[in-house]
PDB file of N, CA and C in Angstrom:
ATOM      1  N   MET A   1       6.110 -15.277   6.565  1.00  0.00           N
ATOM      2  CA  MET A   1       7.048 -14.706   7.042  1.00  0.00           C
ATOM      3  C   MET A   1       7.273 -12.953   6.731  1.00  0.00           C
ATOM      4  N   ASP A   2       6.485 -12.856   5.662  1.00  0.00           N
ATOM      5  CA  ASP A   2       6.522 -11.955   4.985  1.00  0.00           C
ATOM      6  C   ASP A   2       5.357 -10.614   5.462  1.00  0.00           C
ATOM      7  N   TRP A   3       4.521 -11.482   6.032  1.00  0.00           N
ATOM      8  CA  TRP A   3       3.770 -10.960   7.085  1.00  0.00           C
ATOM      9  C   TRP A   3       4.120 -10.066   7.955  1.00  0.00           C
ATOM     10  N   VAL A   4       5.411 -10.985   8.733  1.00  0.00           N
ATOM     11  CA  VAL A   4       5.799 -10.085   9.794  1.00  0.00           C
ATOM     12  C   VAL A   4       6.434  -9.248   9.743  1.00  0.00           C
ATOM     13  N   LEU A   5       7.288  -9.578   8.764  1.00  0.00           N
ATOM     14  CA  LEU A   5       8.214  -8.512   7.478  1.00  0.00           C
ATOM     15  C   LEU A   5       7.063  -6.882   7.663  1.00  0.00           C
ATOM     16  N   LEU A   6       6.212  -7.111   7.139  1.00  0.00           N
ATOM     17  CA  LEU A   6       5.175  -6.183   6.802  1.00  0.00           C
ATOM     18  C   LEU A   6       4.858  -5.345   8.277  1.00  0.00           C
ATOM     19  N   ILE A   7       4.185  -5.995   8.893  1.00  0.00           N
ATOM     20  CA  ILE A   7       4.308  -5.613  10.258  1.00  0.00           C
ATOM     21  C   ILE A   7       4.889  -4.712  10.994  1.00  0.00           C
ATOM     22  N   GLY A   8       6.440  -5.936  11.291  1.00  0.00           N
ATOM     23  CA  GLY A   8       7.635  -4.650  11.128  1.00  0.00           C
ATOM     24  C   GLY A   8       7.789  -3.542  10.924  1.00  0.00           C
ATOM     25  N   SER A   9       7.146  -3.538   9.720  1.00  0.00           N
ATOM     26  CA  SER A   9       7.624  -2.095   8.470  1.00  0.00           C
ATOM     27  C   SER A   9       6.660  -1.218   9.068  1.00  0.00           C
ATOM     28  N   GLY A  10       5.311  -1.420   9.193  1.00  0.00           N
ATOM     29  CA  GLY A  10       4.636  -0.634   9.720  1.00  0.00           C
ATOM     30  C   GLY A  10       5.045   0.182  11.342  1.00  0.00           C
ATOM     31  N   VAL A  11       5.460  -0.599  11.893  1.00  0.00           N
ATOM     32  CA  VAL A  11       5.840  -0.675  13.080  1.00  0.00           C
ATOM     33  C   VAL A  11       7.147   0.697  13.099  1.00  0.00           C
ATOM     34  N   LEU A  12       7.880   0.402  12.502  1.00  0.00           N
ATOM     35  CA  LEU A  12       9.002   1.245  11.721  1.00  0.00           C
ATOM     36  C   LEU A  12       8.485   2.850  11.614  1.00  0.00           C
ATOM     37  N   GLU A  13       7.274   2.654  10.349  1.00  0.00           N
ATOM     38  CA  GLU A  13       6.729   3.603   9.821  1.00  0.00           C
ATOM     39  C   GLU A  13       6.066   4.774  11.283  1.00  0.00           C
ATOM     40  N   ALA A  14       5.913   4.390  11.882  1.00  0.00           N
ATOM     41  CA  ALA A  14       5.277   4.933  13.294  1.00  0.00           C
ATOM     42  C   ALA A  14       6.198   5.348  14.187  1.00  0.00           C
ATOM     43  N   VAL A  15       7.662   4.946  13.613  1.00  0.00           N
ATOM     44  CA  VAL A  15       8.869   5.157  14.890  1.00  0.00           C
ATOM     45  C   VAL A  15       9.211   6.545  13.659  1.00  0.00           C
ATOM     46  N   TRP A  16       9.326   6.458  12.475  1.00  0.00           N
ATOM     47  CA  TRP A  16       9.893   7.127  11.625  1.00  0.00           C
ATOM     48  C   TRP A  16       8.606   8.647  11.435  1.00  0.00           C
ATOM     49  N   ALA A  17       7.893   8.345  11.656  1.00  0.00           N
ATOM     50  CA  ALA A  17       6.346   9.432  11.754  1.00  0.00           C
ATOM     51  C   ALA A  17       6.635   9.968  13.193  1.00  0.00           C
ATOM     52  N   THR A  18       6.546   9.530  13.949  1.00  0.00           N
ATOM     53  CA  THR A  18       7.091  10.271  15.409  1.00  0.00           C
ATOM     54  C   THR A  18       8.526  10.998  15.314  1.00  0.00           C
ATOM     55  N   ALA A  19       9.197  10.259  15.490  1.00  0.00           N
ATOM     56  CA  ALA A  19      10.675  11.131  15.179  1.00  0.00           C
ATOM     57  C   ALA A  19      10.807  12.484  14.219  1.00  0.00           C
ATOM     58  N   LEU A  20      10.150  12.190  13.348  1.00  0.00           N
ATOM     59  CA  LEU A  20       9.740  13.360  11.866  1.00  0.00           C
ATOM     60  C   LEU A  20       9.081  14.478  13.051  1.00  0.00           C
ATOM     61  N   GLY A  21       8.156  14.257  13.485  1.00  0.00           N
ATOM     62  CA  GLY A  21       7.418  15.124  14.713  1.00  0.00           C
ATOM     63  C   GLY A  21       8.071  15.488  15.659  1.00  0.00           C
ATOM     64  N   ALA A  22       9.524  14.784  16.363  1.00  0.00           N
ATOM     65  CA  ALA A  22      10.094  15.059  17.531  1.00  0.00           C
ATOM     66  C   ALA A  22      11.309  16.327  16.754  1.00  0.00           C
ATOM     67  N   SER A  23      11.470  16.441  15.428  1.00  0.00           N
ATOM     68  CA  SER A  23      12.572  16.787  14.638  1.00  0.00           C
ATOM     69  C   SER A  23      12.562  17.885  14.516  1.00  0.00           C
ATOM     70  N   ASP A  24      11.536  18.684  14.305  1.00  0.00           N
ATOM     71  CA  ASP A  24      11.522  20.293  14.593  1.00  0.00           C
ATOM     72  C   ASP A  24      12.011  20.503  12.837  1.00  0.00           C
ATOM     73  N   GLY A  25      11.111  19.656  12.529  1.00  0.00           N
ATOM     74  CA  GLY A  25      11.878  20.196  10.768  1.00  0.00           C
ATOM     75  C   GLY A  25      12.720  19.802  10.379  1.00  0.00           C
ATOM     76  N   LEU A  26      13.390  18.775  11.158  1.00  0.00           N
ATOM     77  CA  LEU A  26      14.529  18.087  10.663  1.00  0.00           C
ATOM     78  C   LEU A  26      16.127  18.998  11.514  1.00  0.00           C
ATOM     79  N   ARG A  27      15.369  20.115  12.383  1.00  0.00           N
ATOM     80  CA  ARG A  27      16.773  20.813  12.742  1.00  0.00           C
ATOM     81  C   ARG A  27      17.080  20.006  13.748  1.00  0.00           C
ATOM     82  N   ARG A  28      16.495  19.091  14.492  1.00  0.00           N
ATOM     83  CA  ARG A  28      17.159  18.542  15.717  1.00  0.00           C
ATOM     84  C   ARG A  28      17.590  17.139  15.452  1.00  0.00           C
ATOM     85  N   TRP A  29      19.431  17.036  15.422  1.00  0.00           N
ATOM     86  CA  TRP A  29      19.646  16.162  14.818  1.00  0.00           C
ATOM     87  C   TRP A  29      19.329  14.636  15.267  1.00  0.00           C
ATOM     88  N   ARG A  30      19.043  14.356  16.763  1.00  0.00           N
ATOM     89  CA  ARG A  30      19.258  13.090  16.634  1.00  0.00           C
ATOM     90  C   ARG A  30      17.619  12.004  16.511  1.00  0.00           C
ATOM     91  N   PRO A  31      16.470  13.502  16.273  1.00  0.00           N
ATOM     92  CA  PRO A  31      15.019  12.496  15.920  1.00  0.00           C
ATOM     93  C   PRO A  31      15.478  12.489  14.176  1.00  0.00           C
ATOM     94  N   ALA A  32      15.913  13.515  13.815  1.00  0.00           N
ATOM     95  CA  ALA A  32      16.598  13.477  12.738  1.00  0.00           C
ATOM     96  C   ALA A  32      16.827  12.522  12.032  1.00  0.00           C
ATOM     97  N   VAL A  33      17.622  11.882  12.729  1.00  0.00           N
ATOM     98  CA  VAL A  33      19.020  10.481  12.359  1.00  0.00           C
ATOM     99  C   VAL A  33      17.921   9.398  12.552  1.00  0.00           C
ATOM    100  N   VAL A  34      16.822   9.449  13.453  1.00  0.00           N
ATOM    101  CA  VAL A  34      16.091   8.189  13.943  1.00  0.00           C
ATOM    102  C   VAL A  34      15.379   8.217  12.651  1.00  0.00           C
ATOM    103  N   PHE A  35      14.502   9.311  12.307  1.00  0.00           N
ATOM    104  CA  PHE A  35      13.784   9.155  11.390  1.00  0.00           C
ATOM    105  C   PHE A  35      13.995   8.660   9.976  1.00  0.00           C
ATOM    106  N   LEU A  36      15.434   8.763   9.260  1.00  0.00           N
ATOM    107  CA  LEU A  36      15.853   8.316   8.222  1.00  0.00           C
ATOM    108  C   LEU A  36      16.733   7.289   8.385  1.00  0.00           C
ATOM    109  N   VAL A  37      17.044   6.677   9.288  1.00  0.00           N
ATOM    110  CA  VAL A  37      17.090   4.979   9.622  1.00  0.00           C
ATOM    111  C   VAL A  37      16.066   4.467   9.372  1.00  0.00           C
ATOM    112  N   ALA A  38      14.824   5.032  10.587  1.00  0.00           N
ATOM    113  CA  ALA A  38      13.413   4.004  10.310  1.00  0.00           C
ATOM    114  C   ALA A  38      13.119   4.383   8.739  1.00  0.00           C
ATOM    115  N   THR A  39      13.148   5.148   8.539  1.00  0.00           N
ATOM    116  CA  THR A  39      12.387   5.374   6.856  1.00  0.00           C
ATOM    117  C   THR A  39      13.458   3.895   5.983  1.00  0.00           C
ATOM    118  N   VAL A  40      14.469   4.402   5.454  1.00  0.00           N
ATOM    119  CA  VAL A  40      14.835   3.260   5.151  1.00  0.00           C
ATOM    120  C   VAL A  40      14.426   2.209   5.122  1.00  0.00           C
ATOM    121  N   LEU A  41      14.576   1.978   6.382  1.00  0.00           N
ATOM    122  CA  LEU A  41      14.420   0.049   6.960  1.00  0.00           C
ATOM    123  C   LEU A  41      13.052  -0.327   6.868  1.00  0.00           C
ATOM    124  N   SER A  42      12.340   0.453   7.251  1.00  0.00           N
ATOM    125  CA  SER A  42      10.681   0.539   6.921  1.00  0.00           C
ATOM    126  C   SER A  42      10.131   0.578   5.284  1.00  0.00           C
ATOM    127  N   VAL A  43      10.770   1.321   4.457  1.00  0.00           N
ATOM    128  CA  VAL A  43      10.373   1.466   3.280  1.00  0.00           C
ATOM    129  C   VAL A  43      10.874   0.008   2.606  1.00  0.00           C
ATOM    130  N   TRP A  44      11.996  -0.306   3.016  1.00  0.00           N
ATOM    131  CA  TRP A  44      13.129  -1.706   2.441  1.00  0.00           C
ATOM    132  C   TRP A  44      11.774  -2.706   3.255  1.00  0.00           C
ATOM    133  N   GLY A  45      11.570  -2.896   3.822  1.00  0.00           N
ATOM    134  CA  GLY A  45      11.034  -4.056   4.408  1.00  0.00           C
ATOM    135  C   GLY A  45       9.752  -4.096   3.917  1.00  0.00           C
ATOM    136  N   LEU A  46       8.921  -3.319   3.495  1.00  0.00           N
ATOM    137  CA  LEU A  46       8.004  -3.095   2.281  1.00  0.00           C
ATOM    138  C   LEU A  46       8.105  -2.930   1.282  1.00  0.00           C
ATOM    139  N   ALA A  47       8.960  -3.183   0.827  1.00  0.00           N
ATOM    140  CA  ALA A  47       9.459  -3.459  -0.884  1.00  0.00           C
ATOM    141  C   ALA A  47       9.760  -5.534  -1.156  1.00  0.00           C
ATOM    142  N   LEU A  48      10.412  -5.898   0.506  1.00  0.00           N
ATOM    143  CA  LEU A  48      10.665  -6.771   0.507  1.00  0.00           C
ATOM    144  C   LEU A  48       9.250  -7.809   0.731  1.00  0.00           C
ATOM    145  N   ALA A  49       8.395  -7.288   1.645  1.00  0.00           N
ATOM    146  CA  ALA A  49       7.239  -8.042   1.817  1.00  0.00           C
ATOM    147  C   ALA A  49       6.368  -8.009   0.399  1.00  0.00           C
ATOM    148  N   MET A  50       6.291  -6.933  -0.255  1.00  0.00           N
ATOM    149  CA  MET A  50       5.835  -6.948  -1.750  1.00  0.00           C
ATOM    150  C   MET A  50       6.163  -7.870  -2.436  1.00  0.00           C
ATOM    151  N   GLN A  51       7.300  -8.528  -2.246  1.00  0.00           N
ATOM    152  CA  GLN A  51       7.782  -9.480  -3.079  1.00  0.00           C
ATOM    153  C   GLN A  51       6.330 -10.741  -3.487  1.00  0.00           C
ATOM    154  N   THR A  52       5.876 -11.317  -2.285  1.00  0.00           N
ATOM    155  CA  THR A  52       4.875 -12.092  -2.085  1.00  0.00           C
ATOM    156  C   THR A  52       3.298 -11.446  -2.024  1.00  0.00           C
ATOM    157  N   ILE A  53       3.351 -10.051  -1.557  1.00  0.00           N
ATOM    158  CA  ILE A  53       2.022  -9.985  -0.968  1.00  0.00           C
ATOM    159  C   ILE A  53       1.640  -9.188  -1.798  1.00  0.00           C
ATOM    160  N   PRO A  54       0.429  -8.659  -2.307  1.00  0.00           N
ATOM    161  CA  PRO A  54       0.291  -8.131  -3.414  1.00  0.00           C
ATOM    162  C   PRO A  54       0.546  -6.491  -3.174  1.00  0.00           C
ATOM    163  N   THR A  55       0.206  -5.646  -4.079  1.00  0.00           N
ATOM    164  CA  THR A  55       0.892  -4.254  -3.549  1.00  0.00           C
ATOM    165  C   THR A  55      -0.274  -3.594  -2.802  1.00  0.00           C
ATOM    166  N   GLY A  56      -1.317  -3.625  -3.422  1.00  0.00           N
ATOM    167  CA  GLY A  56      -2.120  -2.985  -2.466  1.00  0.00           C
ATOM    168  C   GLY A  56      -2.704  -3.360  -1.038  1.00  0.00           C
ATOM    169  N   THR A  57      -2.493  -4.156  -0.671  1.00  0.00           N
ATOM    170  CA  THR A  57      -2.551  -5.185   0.145  1.00  0.00           C
ATOM    171  C   THR A  57      -1.507  -4.819   1.458  1.00  0.00           C
ATOM    172  N   ALA A  58      -0.573  -5.086   0.472  1.00  0.00           N
ATOM    173  CA  ALA A  58       0.602  -4.818   1.275  1.00  0.00           C
ATOM    174  C   ALA A  58       1.091  -3.062   1.943  1.00  0.00           C
ATOM    175  N   TYR A  59       0.507  -2.051   1.116  1.00  0.00           N
ATOM    176  CA  TYR A  59       0.780  -1.095   1.286  1.00  0.00           C
ATOM    177  C   TYR A  59      -0.420  -0.727   1.995  1.00  0.00           C
ATOM    178  N   ALA A  60      -1.429  -0.408   2.018  1.00  0.00           N
ATOM    179  CA  ALA A  60      -2.778  -0.790   2.804  1.00  0.00           C
ATOM    180  C   ALA A  60      -2.641  -1.289   4.375  1.00  0.00           C
ATOM    181  N   VAL A  61      -1.681  -2.134   4.192  1.00  0.00           N
ATOM    182  CA  VAL A  61      -1.485  -2.925   5.799  1.00  0.00           C
ATOM    183  C   VAL A  61      -0.442  -1.939   6.195  1.00  0.00           C
ATOM    184  N   TRP A  62       0.628  -1.648   5.715  1.00  0.00           N
ATOM    185  CA  TRP A  62       1.681  -0.834   6.162  1.00  0.00           C
ATOM    186  C   TRP A  62       1.134   0.491   6.628  1.00  0.00           C
ATOM    187  N   THR A  63       0.345   1.462   5.724  1.00  0.00           N
ATOM    188  CA  THR A  63      -0.227   2.516   6.399  1.00  0.00           C
ATOM    189  C   THR A  63      -0.888   2.448   7.783  1.00  0.00           C
ATOM    190  N   ALA A  64      -1.987   1.563   7.562  1.00  0.00           N
ATOM    191  CA  ALA A  64      -2.553   1.192   8.591  1.00  0.00           C
ATOM    192  C   ALA A  64      -1.801   1.102   9.935  1.00  0.00           C
ATOM    193  N   THR A  65      -0.904   0.202   9.774  1.00  0.00           N
ATOM    194  CA  THR A  65      -0.028  -0.213  11.099  1.00  0.00           C
ATOM    195  C   THR A  65       0.642   1.063  11.410  1.00  0.00           C
ATOM    196  N   GLY A  66       1.055   1.863  10.378  1.00  0.00           N
ATOM    197  CA  GLY A  66       2.294   2.974  10.941  1.00  0.00           C
ATOM    198  C   GLY A  66       1.454   4.257  11.656  1.00  0.00           C
ATOM    199  N   ALA A  67       0.169   4.660  10.922  1.00  0.00           N
ATOM    200  CA  ALA A  67      -0.979   5.693  11.242  1.00  0.00           C
ATOM    201  C   ALA A  67      -1.549   5.199  12.613  1.00  0.00           C
ATOM    202  N   SER A  68      -2.191   3.925  12.692  1.00  0.00           N
ATOM    203  CA  SER A  68      -2.633   3.793  14.389  1.00  0.00           C
ATOM    204  C   SER A  68      -1.598   3.599  15.403  1.00  0.00           C
ATOM    205  N   LEU A  69      -0.811   3.280  15.032  1.00  0.00           N
ATOM    206  CA  LEU A  69       0.737   3.316  16.079  1.00  0.00           C
ATOM    207  C   LEU A  69       0.950   4.789  16.285  1.00  0.00           C
ATOM    208  N   THR A  70       1.066   5.217  15.301  1.00  0.00           N
ATOM    209  CA  THR A  70       1.299   6.484  15.272  1.00  0.00           C
ATOM    210  C   THR A  70       0.238   7.550  16.403  1.00  0.00           C
ATOM    211  N   VAL A  71      -0.888   7.641  16.139  1.00  0.00           N
ATOM    212  CA  VAL A  71      -1.864   7.603  16.760  1.00  0.00           C
ATOM    213  C   VAL A  71      -1.908   7.032  18.562  1.00  0.00           C
ATOM    214  N   VAL A  72      -1.868   6.225  18.509  1.00  0.00           N
ATOM    215  CA  VAL A  72      -1.784   5.542  19.713  1.00  0.00           C
ATOM    216  C   VAL A  72      -0.673   6.117  20.685  1.00  0.00           C
ATOM    217  N   TRP A  73       0.256   6.020  20.173  1.00  0.00           N
ATOM    218  CA  TRP A  73       1.935   6.193  20.558  1.00  0.00           C
ATOM    219  C   TRP A  73       1.576   7.858  21.124  1.00  0.00           C
ATOM    220  N   ALA A  74       1.153   9.044  20.278  1.00  0.00           N
ATOM    221  CA  ALA A  74       0.360  10.040  20.478  1.00  0.00           C
ATOM    222  C   ALA A  74      -0.539  10.185  22.114  1.00  0.00           C
ATOM    223  N   MET A  75      -1.333   9.474  21.784  1.00  0.00           N
ATOM    224  CA  MET A  75      -2.182   9.709  22.800  1.00  0.00           C
ATOM    225  C   MET A  75      -1.489   9.091  24.186  1.00  0.00           C
ATOM    226  N   VAL A  76      -1.161   8.300  24.441  1.00  0.00           N
ATOM    227  CA  VAL A  76      -0.608   7.425  25.059  1.00  0.00           C
ATOM    228  C   VAL A  76       0.966   8.234  26.056  1.00  0.00           C
ATOM    229  N   ARG A  77       1.366   9.229  25.157  1.00  0.00           N
ATOM    230  CA  ARG A  77       2.399  10.596  25.523  1.00  0.00           C
ATOM    231  C   ARG A  77       1.019  11.789  25.761  1.00  0.00           C
ATOM    232  N   GLY A  78       0.263  11.523  25.687  1.00  0.00           N
ATOM    233  CA  GLY A  78      -0.874  12.668  25.384  1.00  0.00           C
ATOM    234  C   GLY A  78      -0.768  13.976  24.658  1.00  0.00           C
ATOM    235  N   THR A  79       0.124  13.706  23.632  1.00  0.00           N
ATOM    236  CA  THR A  79       0.027  14.784  22.885  1.00  0.00           C
ATOM    237  C   THR A  79      -1.579  15.065  22.151  1.00  0.00           C
ATOM    238  N   GLU A  80      -1.791  14.343  21.929  1.00  0.00           N
ATOM    239  CA  GLU A  80      -3.419  14.096  20.804  1.00  0.00           C
ATOM    240  C   GLU A  80      -4.187  13.482  21.956  1.00  0.00           C
ATOM    241  N   PRO A  81      -5.025  14.296  22.332  1.00  0.00           N
ATOM    242  CA  PRO A  81      -6.814  13.659  23.161  1.00  0.00           C
ATOM    243  C   PRO A  81      -7.181  12.203  22.386  1.00  0.00           C
ATOM    244  N   ALA A  82      -7.244  11.546  23.868  1.00  0.00           N
ATOM    245  CA  ALA A  82      -7.982  10.094  23.753  1.00  0.00           C
ATOM    246  C   ALA A  82      -9.330  10.096  23.722  1.00  0.00           C
ATOM    247  N   SER A  83     -10.064   9.371  23.115  1.00  0.00           N
ATOM    248  CA  SER A  83     -11.863   9.336  23.211  1.00  0.00           C
ATOM    249  C   SER A  83     -11.548   7.985  23.167  1.00  0.00           C
ATOM    250  N   LEU A  84     -13.323   8.180  23.924  1.00  0.00           N
ATOM    251  CA  LEU A  84     -13.765   6.258  23.238  1.00  0.00           C
ATOM    252  C   LEU A  84     -13.949   6.505  21.894  1.00  0.00           C
ATOM    253  N   VAL A  85     -14.399   7.677  21.333  1.00  0.00           N
ATOM    254  CA  VAL A  85     -14.658   7.344  19.718  1.00  0.00           C
ATOM    255  C   VAL A  85     -13.267   7.624  18.594  1.00  0.00           C
ATOM    256  N   ARG A  86     -12.190   7.889  19.529  1.00  0.00           N
ATOM    257  CA  ARG A  86     -10.920   7.647  18.759  1.00  0.00           C
ATOM    258  C   ARG A  86     -10.816   6.517  18.621  1.00  0.00           C
ATOM    259  N   THR A  87     -10.700   5.519  20.039  1.00  0.00           N
ATOM    260  CA  THR A  87     -10.195   4.314  20.349  1.00  0.00           C
ATOM    261  C   THR A  87     -11.331   3.097  19.124  1.00  0.00           C
ATOM    262  N   LEU A  88     -12.395   3.850  19.126  1.00  0.00           N
ATOM    263  CA  LEU A  88     -13.425   2.413  18.458  1.00  0.00           C
ATOM    264  C   LEU A  88     -13.042   2.716  17.070  1.00  0.00           C
ATOM    265  N   LEU A  89     -12.677   3.977  16.225  1.00  0.00           N
ATOM    266  CA  LEU A  89     -12.029   4.231  14.980  1.00  0.00           C
ATOM    267  C   LEU A  89     -11.035   3.573  14.915  1.00  0.00           C
ATOM    268  N   LEU A  90      -9.929   4.111  15.874  1.00  0.00           N
ATOM    269  CA  LEU A  90      -8.741   2.942  15.546  1.00  0.00           C
ATOM    270  C   LEU A  90      -8.486   1.263  15.559  1.00  0.00           C
ATOM    271  N   LEU A  91      -9.331   0.830  16.237  1.00  0.00           N
ATOM    272  CA  LEU A  91     -10.113  -0.742  16.481  1.00  0.00           C
ATOM    273  C   LEU A  91     -10.432  -1.080  14.820  1.00  0.00           C
ATOM    274  N   GLY A  92     -11.274  -0.048  14.602  1.00  0.00           N
ATOM    275  CA  GLY A  92     -11.793  -0.034  13.016  1.00  0.00           C
ATOM    276  C   GLY A  92     -10.706  -0.425  12.136  1.00  0.00           C
ATOM    277  N   ILE A  93      -9.610   0.529  12.116  1.00  0.00           N
ATOM    278  CA  ILE A  93      -8.555   0.115  11.259  1.00  0.00           C
ATOM    279  C   ILE A  93      -7.956  -1.073  11.408  1.00  0.00           C
ATOM    280  N   VAL A  94      -7.513  -1.204  12.636  1.00  0.00           N
ATOM    281  CA  VAL A  94      -6.910  -2.456  13.029  1.00  0.00           C
ATOM    282  C   VAL A  94      -8.145  -3.856  12.066  1.00  0.00           C
ATOM    283  N   ALA A  95      -8.810  -4.030  12.784  1.00  0.00           N
ATOM    284  CA  ALA A  95     -10.023  -4.610  12.201  1.00  0.00           C
ATOM    285  C   ALA A  95      -9.827  -4.700  10.525  1.00  0.00           C
ATOM    286  N   CYS A  96      -9.545  -3.723  10.124  1.00  0.00           N
ATOM    287  CA  CYS A  96      -9.748  -3.905   8.195  1.00  0.00           C
ATOM    288  C   CYS A  96      -8.558  -4.766   7.962  1.00  0.00           C
ATOM    289  N   VAL A  97      -7.104  -4.341   8.686  1.00  0.00           N
ATOM    290  CA  VAL A  97      -6.033  -4.813   8.192  1.00  0.00           C
ATOM    291  C   VAL A  97      -6.431  -6.571   8.714  1.00  0.00           C
ATOM    292  N   VAL A  98      -6.753  -6.909   9.473  1.00  0.00           N
ATOM    293  CA  VAL A  98      -6.802  -8.140   9.841  1.00  0.00           C
ATOM    294  C   VAL A  98      -7.862  -8.944   8.734  1.00  0.00           C
ATOM    295  N   GLY A  99      -9.015  -7.858   8.689  1.00  0.00           N
ATOM    296  CA  GLY A  99      -9.692  -8.775   7.361  1.00  0.00           C
ATOM    297  C   GLY A  99      -8.770  -8.871   5.944  1.00  0.00           C
ATOM    298  N   LEU A 100      -8.087  -7.740   5.505  1.00  0.00           N
ATOM    299  CA  LEU A 100      -7.013  -7.734   4.435  1.00  0.00           C
ATOM    300  C   LEU A 100      -6.409  -9.180   4.779  1.00  0.00           C
ATOM    301  N   LYS A 101      -5.788  -9.466   6.153  1.00  0.00           N
ATOM    302  CA  LYS A 101      -4.838 -10.662   6.207  1.00  0.00           C
ATOM    303  C   LYS A 101      -6.030 -11.978   5.828  1.00  0.00           C
ATOM    304  N   VAL A 102      -7.078 -11.535   6.561  1.00  0.00           N
ATOM    305  CA  VAL A 102      -7.633 -12.925   6.460  1.00  0.00           C
ATOM    306  C   VAL A 102      -7.907 -13.806   4.675  1.00  0.00           C
ATOM    307  N   VAL A 103      -8.068 -12.756   4.051  1.00  0.00           N
ATOM    308  CA  VAL A 103      -8.696 -12.803   2.738  1.00  0.00           C
ATOM    309  C   VAL A 103      -7.611 -13.003   1.822  1.00  0.00           C
ATOM    310  N   SER A 104      -6.180 -12.684   2.339  1.00  0.00           N
ATOM    311  CA  SER A 104      -5.316 -12.446   1.234  1.00  0.00           C
ATOM    312  C   SER A 104      -4.844 -14.066   0.933  1.00  0.00           C
TER     313      SER A 104
END
């Protein structure tokens, strides 16, 4: 269950990163509120997951999940370029996260 919580927290990391980018330096209130709420929930979920998952593994999975999903979302929306190389590199990050789960 802690792994599900950790992945969910990583998804929330992508939410807050995207909202932060949309907030125009926290000047737009709606994305700023989404940023604040998602940040608190994301870090809280990470903290709970770290009760049973080693810190280094949990942090690596959390950041990799959030970073990968943030880039994928930006590519889907067209705000960042999509390419085969970028996609393969993102798949490499995902493979590393799966590898951490397998050896944990």
